[in-house]
PDB file of N, CA and C in Angstrom:
ATOM      1  N   UNK A   1       8.959   1.872  -0.851  1.00  0.00           N
ATOM      2  CA  UNK A   1       7.588   2.820  -0.717  1.00  0.00           C
ATOM      3  C   UNK A   1       6.707   1.290   0.238  1.00  0.00           C
ATOM      4  N   UNK A   2       5.971   1.929   1.600  1.00  0.00           N
ATOM      5  CA  UNK A   2       5.806   0.850   2.061  1.00  0.00           C
ATOM      6  C   UNK A   2       4.623  -0.275   1.887  1.00  0.00           C
ATOM      7  N   UNK A   3       4.298  -1.086   2.712  1.00  0.00           N
ATOM      8  CA  UNK A   3       3.341  -1.768   1.781  1.00  0.00           C
ATOM      9  C   UNK A   3       1.792  -0.938   1.870  1.00  0.00           C
ATOM     10  N   UNK A   4       1.687   0.088   2.825  1.00  0.00           N
ATOM     11  CA  UNK A   4      -0.025   0.688   2.741  1.00  0.00           C
ATOM     12  C   UNK A   4       0.697   1.745   2.029  1.00  0.00           C
ATOM     13  N   UNK A   5       1.464   2.305   1.681  1.00  0.00           N
ATOM     14  CA  UNK A   5       1.599   3.239   0.600  1.00  0.00           C
ATOM     15  C   UNK A   5       1.106   2.698  -0.446  1.00  0.00           C
ATOM     16  N   UNK A   6       1.917   1.487  -0.801  1.00  0.00           N
ATOM     17  CA  UNK A   6       1.459   1.033  -2.049  1.00  0.00           C
ATOM     18  C   UNK A   6      -0.174  -0.009  -2.379  1.00  0.00           C
ATOM     19  N   UNK A   7      -0.621  -0.053  -0.842  1.00  0.00           N
ATOM     20  CA  UNK A   7      -1.919  -0.134  -0.949  1.00  0.00           C
ATOM     21  C   UNK A   7      -2.839   0.335  -1.112  1.00  0.00           C
ATOM     22  N   UNK A   8      -2.587   2.257  -0.499  1.00  0.00           N
ATOM     23  CA  UNK A   8      -3.435   3.227  -1.092  1.00  0.00           C
ATOM     24  C   UNK A   8      -3.294   3.292  -2.371  1.00  0.00           C
ATOM     25  N   UNK A   9      -2.319   2.942  -2.809  1.00  0.00           N
ATOM     26  CA  UNK A   9      -1.635   3.679  -4.592  1.00  0.00           C
ATOM     27  C   UNK A   9      -2.476   2.593  -5.520  1.00  0.00           C
ATOM     28  N   UNK A  10      -2.590   1.566  -4.853  1.00  0.00           N
ATOM     29  CA  UNK A  10      -3.805   0.594  -5.732  1.00  0.00           C
ATOM     30  C   UNK A  10      -5.188   0.834  -5.509  1.00  0.00           C
ATOM     31  N   UNK A  11      -5.704   1.150  -4.360  1.00  0.00           N
ATOM     32  CA  UNK A  11      -6.706   1.329  -4.228  1.00  0.00           C
ATOM     33  C   UNK A  11      -7.114   2.948  -4.974  1.00  0.00           C
ATOM     34  N   UNK A  12      -6.580   3.802  -5.296  1.00  0.00           N
ATOM     35  CA  UNK A  12      -6.926   4.954  -6.029  1.00  0.00           C
ATOM     36  C   UNK A  12      -6.569   4.473  -7.410  1.00  0.00           C
ATOM     37  N   UNK A  13      -5.537   3.767  -7.774  1.00  0.00           N
ATOM     38  CA  UNK A  13      -5.597   3.169  -9.245  1.00  0.00           C
ATOM     39  C   UNK A  13      -6.724   3.168  -9.522  1.00  0.00           C
ATOM     40  N   UNK A  14      -7.476   1.827  -8.986  1.00  0.00           N
ATOM     41  CA  UNK A  14      -8.492   0.943  -8.911  1.00  0.00           C
ATOM     42  C   UNK A  14     -10.006   1.629  -9.356  1.00  0.00           C
ATOM     43  N   UNK A  15      -9.916   2.783  -8.291  1.00  0.00           N
ATOM     44  CA  UNK A  15     -11.495   3.316  -7.849  1.00  0.00           C
ATOM     45  C   UNK A  15     -11.050   4.786  -9.286  1.00  0.00           C
ATOM     46  N   UNK A  16      -9.838   5.195  -9.556  1.00  0.00           N
ATOM     47  CA  UNK A  16     -10.154   5.937 -10.442  1.00  0.00           C
ATOM     48  C   UNK A  16     -10.544   5.177 -11.631  1.00  0.00           C
ATOM     49  N   UNK A  17      -9.641   4.114 -11.872  1.00  0.00           N
ATOM     50  CA  UNK A  17      -9.969   2.804 -13.586  1.00  0.00           C
ATOM     51  C   UNK A  17     -11.274   2.692 -13.815  1.00  0.00           C
ATOM     52  N   UNK A  18     -11.905   2.282 -13.143  1.00  0.00           N
ATOM     53  CA  UNK A  18     -13.622   1.699 -12.781  1.00  0.00           C
ATOM     54  C   UNK A  18     -14.311   3.090 -12.475  1.00  0.00           C
ATOM     55  N   UNK A  19     -13.511   4.459 -12.372  1.00  0.00           N
ATOM     56  CA  UNK A  19     -14.851   5.715 -11.930  1.00  0.00           C
ATOM     57  C   UNK A  19     -15.619   5.208 -10.588  1.00  0.00           C
ATOM     58  N   UNK A  20     -15.468   4.954  -9.741  1.00  0.00           N
ATOM     59  CA  UNK A  20     -16.177   4.762  -8.532  1.00  0.00           C
ATOM     60  C   UNK A  20     -15.951   5.597  -7.559  1.00  0.00           C
ATOM     61  N   UNK A  21     -17.023   5.553  -6.790  1.00  0.00           N
ATOM     62  CA  UNK A  21     -16.827   6.695  -5.580  1.00  0.00           C
ATOM     63  C   UNK A  21     -15.559   6.282  -4.679  1.00  0.00           C
ATOM     64  N   UNK A  22     -14.889   7.461  -3.658  1.00  0.00           N
ATOM     65  CA  UNK A  22     -14.014   7.110  -3.078  1.00  0.00           C
ATOM     66  C   UNK A  22     -15.017   6.354  -1.757  1.00  0.00           C
ATOM     67  N   UNK A  23     -13.799   5.667  -1.490  1.00  0.00           N
ATOM     68  CA  UNK A  23     -14.885   4.851  -0.690  1.00  0.00           C
ATOM     69  C   UNK A  23     -14.858   3.545  -0.716  1.00  0.00           C
ATOM     70  N   UNK A  24     -15.545   3.059  -2.404  1.00  0.00           N
ATOM     71  CA  UNK A  24     -15.747   2.459  -2.593  1.00  0.00           C
ATOM     72  C   UNK A  24     -14.966   0.860  -2.786  1.00  0.00           C
ATOM     73  N   UNK A  25     -13.305   1.595  -2.916  1.00  0.00           N
ATOM     74  CA  UNK A  25     -12.386   0.454  -2.870  1.00  0.00           C
ATOM     75  C   UNK A  25     -12.021   0.338  -1.727  1.00  0.00           C
ATOM     76  N   UNK A  26     -11.425  -0.889  -0.957  1.00  0.00           N
ATOM     77  CA  UNK A  26     -10.980  -1.077   0.213  1.00  0.00           C
ATOM     78  C   UNK A  26      -9.621  -2.131   0.073  1.00  0.00           C
ATOM     79  N   UNK A  27      -9.002  -2.463   1.073  1.00  0.00           N
ATOM     80  CA  UNK A  27      -8.273  -3.320   0.864  1.00  0.00           C
ATOM     81  C   UNK A  27      -8.710  -4.845   0.954  1.00  0.00           C
ATOM     82  N   UNK A  28     -10.034  -4.903   1.210  1.00  0.00           N
ATOM     83  CA  UNK A  28     -10.510  -6.562   1.003  1.00  0.00           C
ATOM     84  C   UNK A  28     -11.866  -6.335  -0.441  1.00  0.00           C
ATOM     85  N   UNK A  29     -11.188  -5.825  -0.890  1.00  0.00           N
ATOM     86  CA  UNK A  29     -12.256  -5.786  -2.193  1.00  0.00           C
ATOM     87  C   UNK A  29     -11.726  -6.946  -3.223  1.00  0.00           C
ATOM     88  N   UNK A  30     -12.594  -8.051  -3.746  1.00  0.00           N
ATOM     89  CA  UNK A  30     -12.759  -8.289  -4.660  1.00  0.00           C
ATOM     90  C   UNK A  30     -13.274  -7.940  -6.266  1.00  0.00           C
ATOM     91  N   UNK A  31     -12.764  -8.356  -7.273  1.00  0.00           N
ATOM     92  CA  UNK A  31     -13.344  -8.081  -8.659  1.00  0.00           C
ATOM     93  C   UNK A  31     -14.697  -8.482  -8.229  1.00  0.00           C
ATOM     94  N   UNK A  32     -15.248  -9.488  -7.845  1.00  0.00           N
ATOM     95  CA  UNK A  32     -17.161  -9.539  -7.743  1.00  0.00           C
ATOM     96  C   UNK A  32     -17.658  -8.550  -7.034  1.00  0.00           C
ATOM     97  N   UNK A  33     -17.044  -7.744  -5.968  1.00  0.00           N
ATOM     98  CA  UNK A  33     -17.498  -6.712  -5.436  1.00  0.00           C
ATOM     99  C   UNK A  33     -17.722  -5.383  -6.034  1.00  0.00           C
ATOM    100  N   UNK A  34     -17.681  -5.184  -7.181  1.00  0.00           N
ATOM    101  CA  UNK A  34     -17.583  -4.146  -7.887  1.00  0.00           C
ATOM    102  C   UNK A  34     -18.371  -4.329  -9.232  1.00  0.00           C
ATOM    103  N   UNK A  35     -19.718  -3.814  -9.825  1.00  0.00           N
ATOM    104  CA  UNK A  35     -20.203  -4.020 -11.135  1.00  0.00           C
ATOM    105  C   UNK A  35     -19.461  -3.832 -11.932  1.00  0.00           C
ATOM    106  N   UNK A  36     -18.744  -2.799 -12.234  1.00  0.00           N
ATOM    107  CA  UNK A  36     -17.360  -2.352 -13.310  1.00  0.00           C
ATOM    108  C   UNK A  36     -16.382  -2.698 -12.914  1.00  0.00           C
ATOM    109  N   UNK A  37     -16.027  -3.454 -12.197  1.00  0.00           N
ATOM    110  CA  UNK A  37     -14.937  -4.294 -12.359  1.00  0.00           C
ATOM    111  C   UNK A  37     -15.510  -5.901 -13.262  1.00  0.00           C
ATOM    112  N   UNK A  38     -16.033  -5.239 -14.898  1.00  0.00           N
ATOM    113  CA  UNK A  38     -15.777  -6.716 -15.355  1.00  0.00           C
ATOM    114  C   UNK A  38     -14.718  -6.852 -16.270  1.00  0.00           C
ATOM    115  N   UNK A  39     -15.051  -7.328 -17.349  1.00  0.00           N
ATOM    116  CA  UNK A  39     -13.778  -7.901 -18.251  1.00  0.00           C
ATOM    117  C   UNK A  39     -13.003  -6.723 -18.663  1.00  0.00           C
ATOM    118  N   UNK A  40     -14.057  -5.271 -18.997  1.00  0.00           N
ATOM    119  CA  UNK A  40     -13.404  -4.338 -19.868  1.00  0.00           C
ATOM    120  C   UNK A  40     -12.252  -3.333 -18.628  1.00  0.00           C
ATOM    121  N   UNK A  41     -13.334  -3.723 -17.100  1.00  0.00           N
ATOM    122  CA  UNK A  41     -12.720  -2.715 -15.851  1.00  0.00           C
ATOM    123  C   UNK A  41     -11.335  -3.445 -15.572  1.00  0.00           C
ATOM    124  N   UNK A  42     -11.264  -4.872 -15.785  1.00  0.00           N
ATOM    125  CA  UNK A  42     -10.044  -5.905 -15.828  1.00  0.00           C
ATOM    126  C   UNK A  42      -9.011  -5.423 -16.453  1.00  0.00           C
ATOM    127  N   UNK A  43      -9.056  -4.946 -17.687  1.00  0.00           N
ATOM    128  CA  UNK A  43      -8.226  -4.846 -18.899  1.00  0.00           C
ATOM    129  C   UNK A  43      -7.600  -3.732 -18.807  1.00  0.00           C
ATOM    130  N   UNK A  44      -8.320  -2.336 -18.056  1.00  0.00           N
ATOM    131  CA  UNK A  44      -8.197  -1.226 -17.477  1.00  0.00           C
ATOM    132  C   UNK A  44      -7.224  -0.731 -16.990  1.00  0.00           C
ATOM    133  N   UNK A  45      -7.660  -1.437 -15.768  1.00  0.00           N
ATOM    134  CA  UNK A  45      -6.428  -1.734 -14.606  1.00  0.00           C
ATOM    135  C   UNK A  45      -5.114  -2.367 -14.467  1.00  0.00           C
ATOM    136  N   UNK A  46      -5.168  -3.094 -15.600  1.00  0.00           N
ATOM    137  CA  UNK A  46      -4.043  -3.892 -15.772  1.00  0.00           C
ATOM    138  C   UNK A  46      -3.282  -3.013 -16.730  1.00  0.00           C
ATOM    139  N   UNK A  47      -3.869  -2.221 -17.443  1.00  0.00           N
ATOM    140  CA  UNK A  47      -3.008  -1.312 -18.300  1.00  0.00           C
ATOM    141  C   UNK A  47      -2.925  -0.064 -17.581  1.00  0.00           C
ATOM    142  N   UNK A  48      -3.162   0.279 -16.585  1.00  0.00           N
ATOM    143  CA  UNK A  48      -3.118   1.417 -15.403  1.00  0.00           C
ATOM    144  C   UNK A  48      -1.962   0.835 -14.717  1.00  0.00           C
ATOM    145  N   UNK A  49      -1.778  -0.475 -14.493  1.00  0.00           N
ATOM    146  CA  UNK A  49      -0.585  -0.862 -13.674  1.00  0.00           C
ATOM    147  C   UNK A  49       0.922  -0.809 -14.432  1.00  0.00           C
ATOM    148  N   UNK A  50       0.417  -0.722 -15.974  1.00  0.00           N
ATOM    149  CA  UNK A  50       1.551  -0.589 -16.378  1.00  0.00           C
ATOM    150  C   UNK A  50       2.115   0.535 -16.342  1.00  0.00           C
ATOM    151  N   UNK A  51       1.151   1.511 -16.381  1.00  0.00           N
ATOM    152  CA  UNK A  51       1.303   2.867 -16.737  1.00  0.00           C
ATOM    153  C   UNK A  51       1.985   3.416 -15.493  1.00  0.00           C
ATOM    154  N   UNK A  52       1.909   3.144 -14.260  1.00  0.00           N
ATOM    155  CA  UNK A  52       2.184   3.952 -12.970  1.00  0.00           C
ATOM    156  C   UNK A  52       2.955   3.407 -12.486  1.00  0.00           C
ATOM    157  N   UNK A  53       3.062   1.798 -12.511  1.00  0.00           N
ATOM    158  CA  UNK A  53       4.364   0.719 -11.924  1.00  0.00           C
ATOM    159  C   UNK A  53       5.498   0.298 -12.516  1.00  0.00           C
ATOM    160  N   UNK A  54       4.835   0.733 -14.048  1.00  0.00           N
ATOM    161  CA  UNK A  54       6.120   0.331 -15.306  1.00  0.00           C
ATOM    162  C   UNK A  54       6.141  -1.338 -14.876  1.00  0.00           C
ATOM    163  N   UNK A  55       4.850  -2.227 -14.565  1.00  0.00           N
ATOM    164  CA  UNK A  55       4.782  -3.955 -14.966  1.00  0.00           C
ATOM    165  C   UNK A  55       3.907  -3.919 -15.688  1.00  0.00           C
ATOM    166  N   UNK A  56       4.162  -5.581 -16.538  1.00  0.00           N
ATOM    167  CA  UNK A  56       3.590  -5.670 -17.615  1.00  0.00           C
ATOM    168  C   UNK A  56       3.064  -7.587 -16.943  1.00  0.00           C
ATOM    169  N   UNK A  57       1.908  -7.614 -16.694  1.00  0.00           N
ATOM    170  CA  UNK A  57       1.469  -8.952 -15.740  1.00  0.00           C
ATOM    171  C   UNK A  57       1.685  -9.851 -17.499  1.00  0.00           C
ATOM    172  N   UNK A  58       1.772 -10.736 -17.752  1.00  0.00           N
ATOM    173  CA  UNK A  58       1.889 -11.902 -18.630  1.00  0.00           C
ATOM    174  C   UNK A  58      -0.090 -12.334 -18.491  1.00  0.00           C
ATOM    175  N   UNK A  59      -0.550 -12.820 -19.486  1.00  0.00           N
ATOM    176  CA  UNK A  59      -1.317 -12.887 -20.037  1.00  0.00           C
ATOM    177  C   UNK A  59      -2.426 -13.812 -19.210  1.00  0.00           C
ATOM    178  N   UNK A  60      -1.327 -14.907 -18.702  1.00  0.00           N
ATOM    179  CA  UNK A  60      -1.500 -15.963 -17.738  1.00  0.00           C
ATOM    180  C   UNK A  60      -1.525 -15.594 -15.832  1.00  0.00           C
ATOM    181  N   UNK A  61      -1.302 -14.102 -16.030  1.00  0.00           N
ATOM    182  CA  UNK A  61      -1.125 -13.529 -14.469  1.00  0.00           C
ATOM    183  C   UNK A  61      -2.348 -12.595 -14.135  1.00  0.00           C
ATOM    184  N   UNK A  62      -2.885 -12.168 -15.328  1.00  0.00           N
ATOM    185  CA  UNK A  62      -3.905 -11.355 -15.152  1.00  0.00           C
ATOM    186  C   UNK A  62      -5.426 -11.898 -14.648  1.00  0.00           C
ATOM    187  N   UNK A  63      -5.502 -12.885 -15.034  1.00  0.00           N
ATOM    188  CA  UNK A  63      -6.851 -13.377 -13.975  1.00  0.00           C
ATOM    189  C   UNK A  63      -6.326 -13.559 -12.708  1.00  0.00           C
ATOM    190  N   UNK A  64      -5.003 -14.069 -12.581  1.00  0.00           N
ATOM    191  CA  UNK A  64      -4.948 -13.994 -11.010  1.00  0.00           C
ATOM    192  C   UNK A  64      -5.272 -12.437  -9.881  1.00  0.00           C
ATOM    193  N   UNK A  65      -5.024 -11.450 -10.802  1.00  0.00           N
ATOM    194  CA  UNK A  65      -5.246  -9.992 -10.461  1.00  0.00           C
ATOM    195  C   UNK A  65      -6.667  -9.620 -10.264  1.00  0.00           C
ATOM    196  N   UNK A  66      -7.452 -10.413  -9.393  1.00  0.00           N
ATOM    197  CA  UNK A  66      -8.915 -10.372  -9.259  1.00  0.00           C
ATOM    198  C   UNK A  66      -8.909  -9.616  -8.160  1.00  0.00           C
ATOM    199  N   UNK A  67      -8.277  -9.207  -7.150  1.00  0.00           N
ATOM    200  CA  UNK A  67      -8.666  -8.483  -5.848  1.00  0.00           C
ATOM    201  C   UNK A  67      -6.891  -7.462  -5.242  1.00  0.00           C
ATOM    202  N   UNK A  68      -7.396  -6.367  -4.608  1.00  0.00           N
ATOM    203  CA  UNK A  68      -6.810  -5.550  -3.986  1.00  0.00           C
ATOM    204  C   UNK A  68      -5.761  -5.961  -3.742  1.00  0.00           C
ATOM    205  N   UNK A  69      -5.979  -7.374  -2.680  1.00  0.00           N
ATOM    206  CA  UNK A  69      -4.856  -7.794  -2.225  1.00  0.00           C
ATOM    207  C   UNK A  69      -3.725  -8.631  -2.984  1.00  0.00           C
ATOM    208  N   UNK A  70      -4.213  -9.225  -4.113  1.00  0.00           N
ATOM    209  CA  UNK A  70      -3.663 -10.236  -5.071  1.00  0.00           C
ATOM    210  C   UNK A  70      -2.436  -8.885  -5.865  1.00  0.00           C
ATOM    211  N   UNK A  71      -3.523  -7.935  -6.373  1.00  0.00           N
ATOM    212  CA  UNK A  71      -2.668  -6.438  -6.950  1.00  0.00           C
ATOM    213  C   UNK A  71      -1.335  -5.853  -6.033  1.00  0.00           C
ATOM    214  N   UNK A  72      -1.654  -5.429  -5.240  1.00  0.00           N
ATOM    215  CA  UNK A  72      -0.694  -5.134  -4.049  1.00  0.00           C
ATOM    216  C   UNK A  72       0.972  -6.289  -4.112  1.00  0.00           C
ATOM    217  N   UNK A  73       0.334  -7.442  -3.912  1.00  0.00           N
ATOM    218  CA  UNK A  73       1.128  -8.417  -3.701  1.00  0.00           C
ATOM    219  C   UNK A  73       1.954  -8.868  -5.102  1.00  0.00           C
ATOM    220  N   UNK A  74       1.628  -8.223  -6.015  1.00  0.00           N
ATOM    221  CA  UNK A  74       1.844  -8.622  -7.365  1.00  0.00           C
ATOM    222  C   UNK A  74       2.981  -7.061  -7.769  1.00  0.00           C
ATOM    223  N   UNK A  75       2.255  -6.272  -7.532  1.00  0.00           N
ATOM    224  CA  UNK A  75       3.115  -4.880  -7.857  1.00  0.00           C
ATOM    225  C   UNK A  75       4.292  -5.107  -6.525  1.00  0.00           C
ATOM    226  N   UNK A  76       4.222  -5.959  -5.715  1.00  0.00           N
ATOM    227  CA  UNK A  76       5.175  -5.656  -4.613  1.00  0.00           C
ATOM    228  C   UNK A  76       6.277  -6.814  -5.461  1.00  0.00           C
ATOM    229  N   UNK A  77       5.827  -7.936  -5.644  1.00  0.00           N
ATOM    230  CA  UNK A  77       7.243  -8.422  -6.029  1.00  0.00           C
ATOM    231  C   UNK A  77       7.795  -8.289  -7.134  1.00  0.00           C
ATOM    232  N   UNK A  78       6.716  -7.241  -8.436  1.00  0.00           N
ATOM    233  CA  UNK A  78       7.544  -7.026  -9.456  1.00  0.00           C
ATOM    234  C   UNK A  78       7.633  -5.521  -9.796  1.00  0.00           C
ATOM    235  N   UNK A  79       7.550  -5.179  -9.113  1.00  0.00           N
ATOM    236  CA  UNK A  79       8.414  -3.328  -8.304  1.00  0.00           C
ATOM    237  C   UNK A  79       9.803  -3.349  -8.124  1.00  0.00           C
TER     238      UNK A  79
END
């Protein structure tokens, strides 16, 4: 999978989990940009990452996954 394909999948996953309109999540999106990316939304995103990519971030890593770029980098490393 190319980096662009991975980015598109992560953006789609975040949008679906947070229930935001298409286009609300971009490669530059950080958690503070979206009201729904609160602690519960963050947990939903992390559980969806496990389901979609088969990865399970450690507790101390969860806090670092606060942007599209950080999630893409993490998935790329662990996938």
